Structures are given as C-alpha cells and as structure tokens.
PDB file of N, CA and C in Angstrom:
ATOM      1  N   MET A   1       5.510  41.749 -14.361  1.00  0.00           N
ATOM      2  CA  MET A   1       5.998  40.529 -14.964  1.00  0.00           C
ATOM      3  C   MET A   1       5.327  39.333 -14.290  1.00  0.00           C
ATOM      4  N   ALA A   2       4.763  38.461 -15.068  1.00  0.00           N
ATOM      5  CA  ALA A   2       4.053  37.295 -14.533  1.00  0.00           C
ATOM      6  C   ALA A   2       5.042  36.203 -14.156  1.00  0.00           C
ATOM      7  N   GLN A   3       4.752  35.544 -13.042  1.00  0.00           N
ATOM      8  CA  GLN A   3       5.592  34.438 -12.607  1.00  0.00           C
ATOM      9  C   GLN A   3       5.101  33.147 -13.232  1.00  0.00           C
ATOM     10  N   THR A   4       6.037  32.308 -13.587  1.00  0.00           N
ATOM     11  CA  THR A   4       5.699  30.997 -14.110  1.00  0.00           C
ATOM     12  C   THR A   4       5.823  29.985 -12.980  1.00  0.00           C
ATOM     13  N   ILE A   5       4.737  29.313 -12.711  1.00  0.00           N
ATOM     14  CA  ILE A   5       4.741  28.307 -11.652  1.00  0.00           C
ATOM     15  C   ILE A   5       4.817  26.936 -12.314  1.00  0.00           C
ATOM     16  N   THR A   6       5.849  26.214 -11.965  1.00  0.00           N
ATOM     17  CA  THR A   6       5.986  24.874 -12.521  1.00  0.00           C
ATOM     18  C   THR A   6       5.495  23.868 -11.497  1.00  0.00           C
ATOM     19  N   ASN A   7       4.599  23.038 -11.929  1.00  0.00           N
ATOM     20  CA  ASN A   7       4.037  22.013 -11.053  1.00  0.00           C
ATOM     21  C   ASN A   7       4.787  20.714 -11.331  1.00  0.00           C
ATOM     22  N   THR A   8       5.816  20.455 -10.564  1.00  0.00           N
ATOM     23  CA  THR A   8       6.608  19.250 -10.770  1.00  0.00           C
ATOM     24  C   THR A   8       6.110  18.171  -9.829  1.00  0.00           C
ATOM     25  N   ALA A   9       5.354  17.267 -10.362  1.00  0.00           N
ATOM     26  CA  ALA A   9       4.828  16.154  -9.578  1.00  0.00           C
ATOM     27  C   ALA A   9       5.914  15.093  -9.438  1.00  0.00           C
ATOM     28  N   ILE A  10       5.955  14.473  -8.296  1.00  0.00           N
ATOM     29  CA  ILE A  10       6.898  13.388  -8.037  1.00  0.00           C
ATOM     30  C   ILE A  10       6.086  12.134  -7.757  1.00  0.00           C
ATOM     31  N   TYR A  11       6.465  11.058  -8.410  1.00  0.00           N
ATOM     32  CA  TYR A  11       5.812   9.769  -8.210  1.00  0.00           C
ATOM     33  C   TYR A  11       6.760   8.858  -7.440  1.00  0.00           C
ATOM     34  N   SER A  12       6.218   8.146  -6.458  1.00  0.00           N
ATOM     35  CA  SER A  12       7.062   7.264  -5.653  1.00  0.00           C
ATOM     36  C   SER A  12       6.380   5.912  -5.473  1.00  0.00           C
ATOM     37  N   CYS A  13       7.183   4.936  -5.062  1.00  0.00           N
ATOM     38  CA  CYS A  13       6.682   3.584  -4.836  1.00  0.00           C
ATOM     39  C   CYS A  13       6.034   3.518  -3.456  1.00  0.00           C
ATOM     40  N   PRO A  14       4.869   2.866  -3.325  1.00  0.00           N
ATOM     41  CA  PRO A  14       4.247   2.721  -2.014  1.00  0.00           C
ATOM     42  C   PRO A  14       5.098   1.915  -1.026  1.00  0.00           C
ATOM     43  N   MET A  15       5.952   1.030  -1.527  1.00  0.00           N
ATOM     44  CA  MET A  15       6.766   0.190  -0.655  1.00  0.00           C
ATOM     45  C   MET A  15       8.188   0.702  -0.486  1.00  0.00           C
ATOM     46  N   HIS A  16       8.692   1.432  -1.436  1.00  0.00           N
ATOM     47  CA  HIS A  16      10.080   1.905  -1.406  1.00  0.00           C
ATOM     48  C   HIS A  16      10.090   3.425  -1.549  1.00  0.00           C
ATOM     49  N   ALA A  17      10.187   4.129  -0.428  1.00  0.00           N
ATOM     50  CA  ALA A  17      10.116   5.591  -0.437  1.00  0.00           C
ATOM     51  C   ALA A  17      11.303   6.223  -1.160  1.00  0.00           C
ATOM     52  N   ASP A  18      12.386   5.484  -1.303  1.00  0.00           N
ATOM     53  CA  ASP A  18      13.563   6.044  -1.978  1.00  0.00           C
ATOM     54  C   ASP A  18      13.442   6.024  -3.500  1.00  0.00           C
ATOM     55  N   VAL A  19      12.464   5.307  -4.039  1.00  0.00           N
ATOM     56  CA  VAL A  19      12.240   5.264  -5.492  1.00  0.00           C
ATOM     57  C   VAL A  19      11.306   6.417  -5.853  1.00  0.00           C
ATOM     58  N   ARG A  20      11.855   7.421  -6.530  1.00  0.00           N
ATOM     59  CA  ARG A  20      11.106   8.616  -6.895  1.00  0.00           C
ATOM     60  C   ARG A  20      11.393   8.971  -8.347  1.00  0.00           C
ATOM     61  N   HIS A  21      10.338   9.310  -9.096  1.00  0.00           N
ATOM     62  CA  HIS A  21      10.481   9.670 -10.507  1.00  0.00           C
ATOM     63  C   HIS A  21       9.557  10.841 -10.826  1.00  0.00           C
ATOM     64  N   PRO A  22       9.884  11.619 -11.849  1.00  0.00           N
ATOM     65  CA  PRO A  22       9.022  12.742 -12.230  1.00  0.00           C
ATOM     66  C   PRO A  22       7.794  12.311 -13.038  1.00  0.00           C
ATOM     67  N   ASN A  23       7.773  11.054 -13.500  1.00  0.00           N
ATOM     68  CA  ASN A  23       6.647  10.564 -14.304  1.00  0.00           C
ATOM     69  C   ASN A  23       6.103   9.273 -13.718  1.00  0.00           C
ATOM     70  N   PRO A  24       4.827   8.967 -13.992  1.00  0.00           N
ATOM     71  CA  PRO A  24       4.288   7.690 -13.510  1.00  0.00           C
ATOM     72  C   PRO A  24       4.994   6.525 -14.193  1.00  0.00           C
ATOM     73  N   GLY A  25       4.983   5.391 -13.558  1.00  0.00           N
ATOM     74  CA  GLY A  25       5.634   4.206 -14.113  1.00  0.00           C
ATOM     75  C   GLY A  25       5.627   3.082 -13.105  1.00  0.00           C
ATOM     76  N   LYS A  26       6.629   2.225 -13.169  1.00  0.00           N
ATOM     77  CA  LYS A  26       6.750   1.070 -12.278  1.00  0.00           C
ATOM     78  C   LYS A  26       8.010   1.214 -11.435  1.00  0.00           C
ATOM     79  N   CYS A  27       7.960   0.664 -10.226  1.00  0.00           N
ATOM     80  CA  CYS A  27       9.125   0.646  -9.345  1.00  0.00           C
ATOM     81  C   CYS A  27      10.134  -0.354  -9.884  1.00  0.00           C
ATOM     82  N   GLU A  28      11.396   0.051  -9.946  1.00  0.00           N
ATOM     83  CA  GLU A  28      12.422  -0.859 -10.462  1.00  0.00           C
ATOM     84  C   GLU A  28      12.801  -1.932  -9.445  1.00  0.00           C
ATOM     85  N   LYS A  29      12.393  -1.766  -8.182  1.00  0.00           N
ATOM     86  CA  LYS A  29      12.714  -2.765  -7.161  1.00  0.00           C
ATOM     87  C   LYS A  29      11.647  -3.858  -7.058  1.00  0.00           C
ATOM     88  N   CYS A  30      10.365  -3.468  -7.123  1.00  0.00           N
ATOM     89  CA  CYS A  30       9.309  -4.468  -6.908  1.00  0.00           C
ATOM     90  C   CYS A  30       8.268  -4.527  -8.019  1.00  0.00           C
ATOM     91  N   GLY A  31       8.267  -3.573  -8.927  1.00  0.00           N
ATOM     92  CA  GLY A  31       7.327  -3.599 -10.043  1.00  0.00           C
ATOM     93  C   GLY A  31       5.976  -2.977  -9.746  1.00  0.00           C
ATOM     94  N   MET A  32       5.790  -2.423  -8.540  1.00  0.00           N
ATOM     95  CA  MET A  32       4.512  -1.788  -8.206  1.00  0.00           C
ATOM     96  C   MET A  32       4.360  -0.487  -8.988  1.00  0.00           C
ATOM     97  N   ASP A  33       3.111  -0.078  -9.217  1.00  0.00           N
ATOM     98  CA  ASP A  33       2.844   1.203  -9.862  1.00  0.00           C
ATOM     99  C   ASP A  33       3.294   2.337  -8.954  1.00  0.00           C
ATOM    100  N   LEU A  34       3.944   3.337  -9.545  1.00  0.00           N
ATOM    101  CA  LEU A  34       4.317   4.522  -8.790  1.00  0.00           C
ATOM    102  C   LEU A  34       3.086   5.394  -8.616  1.00  0.00           C
ATOM    103  N   VAL A  35       2.942   5.992  -7.445  1.00  0.00           N
ATOM    104  CA  VAL A  35       1.795   6.850  -7.156  1.00  0.00           C
ATOM    105  C   VAL A  35       2.294   8.246  -6.848  1.00  0.00           C
ATOM    106  N   LEU A  36       1.401   9.211  -6.986  1.00  0.00           N
ATOM    107  CA  LEU A  36       1.756  10.593  -6.717  1.00  0.00           C
ATOM    108  C   LEU A  36       2.201  10.730  -5.276  1.00  0.00           C
ATOM    109  N   GLU A  37       3.332  11.366  -5.071  1.00  0.00           N
ATOM    110  CA  GLU A  37       3.856  11.527  -3.719  1.00  0.00           C
ATOM    111  C   GLU A  37       2.916  12.410  -2.910  1.00  0.00           C
ATOM    112  N   GLY A  38       2.717  12.036  -1.671  1.00  0.00           N
ATOM    113  CA  GLY A  38       1.812  12.778  -0.802  1.00  0.00           C
ATOM    114  C   GLY A  38       0.404  12.230  -0.824  1.00  0.00           C
ATOM    115  N   THR A  39       0.149  11.231  -1.640  1.00  0.00           N
ATOM    116  CA  THR A  39      -1.163  10.621  -1.681  1.00  0.00           C
ATOM    117  C   THR A  39      -1.410   9.916  -0.355  1.00  0.00           C
ATOM    118  N   ARG A  40      -2.511  10.228   0.273  1.00  0.00           N
ATOM    119  CA  ARG A  40      -2.826   9.599   1.548  1.00  0.00           C
ATOM    120  C   ARG A  40      -3.222   8.151   1.320  1.00  0.00           C
ATOM    121  N   PHE A  41      -2.770   7.304   2.198  1.00  0.00           N
ATOM    122  CA  PHE A  41      -3.100   5.885   2.173  1.00  0.00           C
ATOM    123  C   PHE A  41      -2.751   5.243   0.835  1.00  0.00           C
ATOM    124  N   ARG A  42      -1.585   5.572   0.306  1.00  0.00           N
ATOM    125  CA  ARG A  42      -1.224   5.098  -1.028  1.00  0.00           C
ATOM    126  C   ARG A  42      -1.071   3.590  -1.090  1.00  0.00           C
ATOM    127  N   LEU A  43      -0.589   2.930  -0.043  1.00  0.00           N
ATOM    128  CA  LEU A  43      -0.453   1.480  -0.076  1.00  0.00           C
ATOM    129  C   LEU A  43      -1.826   0.813  -0.082  1.00  0.00           C
ATOM    130  N   ILE A  44      -2.748   1.330   0.709  1.00  0.00           N
ATOM    131  CA  ILE A  44      -4.105   0.764   0.739  1.00  0.00           C
ATOM    132  C   ILE A  44      -4.785   0.971  -0.603  1.00  0.00           C
ATOM    133  N   ARG A  45      -4.619   2.143  -1.197  1.00  0.00           N
ATOM    134  CA  ARG A  45      -5.219   2.388  -2.513  1.00  0.00           C
ATOM    135  C   ARG A  45      -4.643   1.441  -3.559  1.00  0.00           C
ATOM    136  N   HIS A  46      -3.338   1.170  -3.463  1.00  0.00           N
ATOM    137  CA  HIS A  46      -2.734   0.232  -4.401  1.00  0.00           C
ATOM    138  C   HIS A  46      -3.312  -1.167  -4.193  1.00  0.00           C
ATOM    139  N   MET A  47      -3.445  -1.590  -2.943  1.00  0.00           N
ATOM    140  CA  MET A  47      -3.977  -2.924  -2.653  1.00  0.00           C
ATOM    141  C   MET A  47      -5.422  -3.064  -3.143  1.00  0.00           C
ATOM    142  N   MET A  48      -6.188  -2.001  -3.040  1.00  0.00           N
ATOM    143  CA  MET A  48      -7.594  -2.045  -3.445  1.00  0.00           C
ATOM    144  C   MET A  48      -7.761  -1.979  -4.962  1.00  0.00           C
ATOM    145  N   SER A  49      -6.707  -1.624  -5.695  1.00  0.00           N
ATOM    146  CA  SER A  49      -6.825  -1.444  -7.139  1.00  0.00           C
ATOM    147  C   SER A  49      -6.862  -2.755  -7.911  1.00  0.00           C
ATOM    148  N   ASN A  50      -6.514  -3.856  -7.266  1.00  0.00           N
ATOM    149  CA  ASN A  50      -6.446  -5.140  -7.958  1.00  0.00           C
ATOM    150  C   ASN A  50      -7.190  -6.187  -7.126  1.00  0.00           C
ATOM    151  N   PRO A  51      -8.136  -6.924  -7.706  1.00  0.00           N
ATOM    152  CA  PRO A  51      -8.877  -7.928  -6.941  1.00  0.00           C
ATOM    153  C   PRO A  51      -7.974  -9.004  -6.325  1.00  0.00           C
ATOM    154  N   LEU A  52      -6.884  -9.346  -6.994  1.00  0.00           N
ATOM    155  CA  LEU A  52      -5.968 -10.342  -6.446  1.00  0.00           C
ATOM    156  C   LEU A  52      -5.280  -9.813  -5.194  1.00  0.00           C
ATOM    157  N   HIS A  53      -4.877  -8.553  -5.207  1.00  0.00           N
ATOM    158  CA  HIS A  53      -4.277  -7.940  -4.020  1.00  0.00           C
ATOM    159  C   HIS A  53      -5.271  -7.898  -2.874  1.00  0.00           C
ATOM    160  N   LEU A  54      -6.519  -7.562  -3.179  1.00  0.00           N
ATOM    161  CA  LEU A  54      -7.557  -7.487  -2.164  1.00  0.00           C
ATOM    162  C   LEU A  54      -7.803  -8.862  -1.548  1.00  0.00           C
ATOM    163  N   ALA A  55      -7.865  -9.898  -2.381  1.00  0.00           N
ATOM    164  CA  ALA A  55      -8.069 -11.256  -1.873  1.00  0.00           C
ATOM    165  C   ALA A  55      -6.894 -11.697  -1.000  1.00  0.00           C
ATOM    166  N   ALA A  56      -5.681 -11.361  -1.402  1.00  0.00           N
ATOM    167  CA  ALA A  56      -4.507 -11.716  -0.601  1.00  0.00           C
ATOM    168  C   ALA A  56      -4.527 -10.991   0.737  1.00  0.00           C
ATOM    169  N   MET A  57      -4.919  -9.723   0.744  1.00  0.00           N
ATOM    170  CA  MET A  57      -4.980  -8.956   1.981  1.00  0.00           C
ATOM    171  C   MET A  57      -6.019  -9.552   2.937  1.00  0.00           C
ATOM    172  N   ILE A  58      -7.171  -9.940   2.417  1.00  0.00           N
ATOM    173  CA  ILE A  58      -8.211 -10.547   3.247  1.00  0.00           C
ATOM    174  C   ILE A  58      -7.748 -11.891   3.790  1.00  0.00           C
ATOM    175  N   ALA A  59      -7.086 -12.701   2.959  1.00  0.00           N
ATOM    176  CA  ALA A  59      -6.592 -14.001   3.406  1.00  0.00           C
ATOM    177  C   ALA A  59      -5.571 -13.858   4.529  1.00  0.00           C
ATOM    178  N   VAL A  60      -4.671 -12.903   4.402  1.00  0.00           N
ATOM    179  CA  VAL A  60      -3.664 -12.680   5.449  1.00  0.00           C
ATOM    180  C   VAL A  60      -4.340 -12.229   6.736  1.00  0.00           C
ATOM    181  N   MET A  61      -5.320 -11.347   6.641  1.00  0.00           N
ATOM    182  CA  MET A  61      -6.028 -10.892   7.838  1.00  0.00           C
ATOM    183  C   MET A  61      -6.744 -12.046   8.524  1.00  0.00           C
ATOM    184  N   LEU A  62      -7.395 -12.917   7.745  1.00  0.00           N
ATOM    185  CA  LEU A  62      -8.084 -14.062   8.335  1.00  0.00           C
ATOM    186  C   LEU A  62      -7.112 -15.033   9.001  1.00  0.00           C
ATOM    187  N   LEU A  63      -5.961 -15.264   8.372  1.00  0.00           N
ATOM    188  CA  LEU A  63      -4.956 -16.134   8.967  1.00  0.00           C
ATOM    189  C   LEU A  63      -4.419 -15.570  10.280  1.00  0.00           C
ATOM    190  N   LEU A  64      -4.183 -14.265  10.312  1.00  0.00           N
ATOM    191  CA  LEU A  64      -3.707 -13.638  11.534  1.00  0.00           C
ATOM    192  C   LEU A  64      -4.747 -13.719  12.651  1.00  0.00           C
ATOM    193  N   MET A  65      -6.008 -13.514  12.306  1.00  0.00           N
ATOM    194  CA  MET A  65      -7.066 -13.618  13.318  1.00  0.00           C
ATOM    195  C   MET A  65      -7.182 -15.040  13.835  1.00  0.00           C
ATOM    196  N   ALA A  66      -7.103 -16.032  12.947  1.00  0.00           N
ATOM    197  CA  ALA A  66      -7.194 -17.432  13.366  1.00  0.00           C
ATOM    198  C   ALA A  66      -6.020 -17.807  14.263  1.00  0.00           C
ATOM    199  N   ALA A  67      -4.825 -17.347  13.916  1.00  0.00           N
ATOM    200  CA  ALA A  67      -3.642 -17.635  14.734  1.00  0.00           C
ATOM    201  C   ALA A  67      -3.780 -16.999  16.115  1.00  0.00           C
ATOM    202  N   PHE A  68      -4.281 -15.793  16.176  1.00  0.00           N
ATOM    203  CA  PHE A  68      -4.471 -15.114  17.457  1.00  0.00           C
ATOM    204  C   PHE A  68      -5.503 -15.849  18.305  1.00  0.00           C
ATOM    205  N   MET A  69      -6.590 -16.283  17.682  1.00  0.00           N
ATOM    206  CA  MET A  69      -7.643 -16.986  18.431  1.00  0.00           C
ATOM    207  C   MET A  69      -7.146 -18.317  18.978  1.00  0.00           C
ATOM    208  N   MET A  70      -6.233 -18.972  18.275  1.00  0.00           N
ATOM    209  CA  MET A  70      -5.694 -20.247  18.755  1.00  0.00           C
ATOM    210  C   MET A  70      -4.789 -20.056  19.974  1.00  0.00           C
ATOM    211  N   THR A  71      -4.203 -18.879  20.113  1.00  0.00           N
ATOM    212  CA  THR A  71      -3.312 -18.638  21.247  1.00  0.00           C
ATOM    213  C   THR A  71      -4.059 -18.180  22.492  1.00  0.00           C
ATOM    214  N   MET A  72      -5.333 -17.847  22.354  1.00  0.00           N
ATOM    215  CA  MET A  72      -6.112 -17.399  23.513  1.00  0.00           C
ATOM    216  C   MET A  72      -6.449 -18.584  24.405  1.00  0.00           C
ATOM    217  N   PRO A  73      -6.430 -18.397  25.726  1.00  0.00           N
ATOM    218  CA  PRO A  73      -6.797 -19.498  26.621  1.00  0.00           C
ATOM    219  C   PRO A  73      -8.282 -19.819  26.479  1.00  0.00           C
ATOM    220  N   LYS A  74      -8.609 -21.092  26.654  1.00  0.00           N
ATOM    221  CA  LYS A  74     -10.000 -21.511  26.538  1.00  0.00           C
ATOM    222  C   LYS A  74     -10.764 -21.114  27.808  1.00  0.00           C
ATOM    223  N   ALA A  75     -11.997 -20.740  27.612  1.00  0.00           N
ATOM    224  CA  ALA A  75     -12.839 -20.355  28.757  1.00  0.00           C
ATOM    225  C   ALA A  75     -13.267 -21.601  29.521  1.00  0.00           C
ATOM    226  N   ILE A  76     -13.279 -21.474  30.809  1.00  0.00           N
ATOM    227  CA  ILE A  76     -13.732 -22.585  31.671  1.00  0.00           C
ATOM    228  C   ILE A  76     -15.210 -22.328  31.969  1.00  0.00           C
ATOM    229  N   GLY A  77     -15.976 -23.400  31.978  1.00  0.00           N
ATOM    230  CA  GLY A  77     -17.431 -23.314  32.187  1.00  0.00           C
ATOM    231  C   GLY A  77     -17.830 -22.529  33.428  1.00  0.00           C
ATOM    232  N   PRO A  78     -19.159 -22.221  33.553  1.00  0.00           N
ATOM    233  CA  PRO A  78     -19.649 -21.377  34.643  1.00  0.00           C
ATOM    234  C   PRO A  78     -19.472 -21.937  35.976  1.00  0.00           C
TER     235      PRO A  78
END
C-alpha cells in the first residue's frame, strides 16, 4: 500500500512569528507579505524585494553610522 505524503506548507510573517497561514497572503497585523516558514533570512529577502524598503534600510544604516561617528572622541594631533 502506497503512503500519501501531504506537503503542508506554512507561511508566516517576517515580523510576527505568531501569524501563520497555510496559504500565501498578507499579515493581518502589519500588511507584509507572508513567506514560506523556514526560509533563511526572510526579513532581509523581504527588504530587498522592494526598492523603497532597500532605500529606507540604507538610510537608517547611514544615520546610525553618522550618529556613532559623532559620539567618537576627536583625535588629538601628533
């Protein structure tokens, strides 16, 4: 007798791990696309999927670097 293997994929929100659905769709909490559960680096893949998200991520990184550089003590001459 042959066994039937059911492949039940679960889709979850990259930001809300408690939001899980059997089909792709949108998160009811934040509106992000649901991704296949177990996908590695799912938040980064989501951010890279939209040019606006990518630009926002780069802007935040630059702001954080600038803020860090402003807190560093200034070097005193030789």
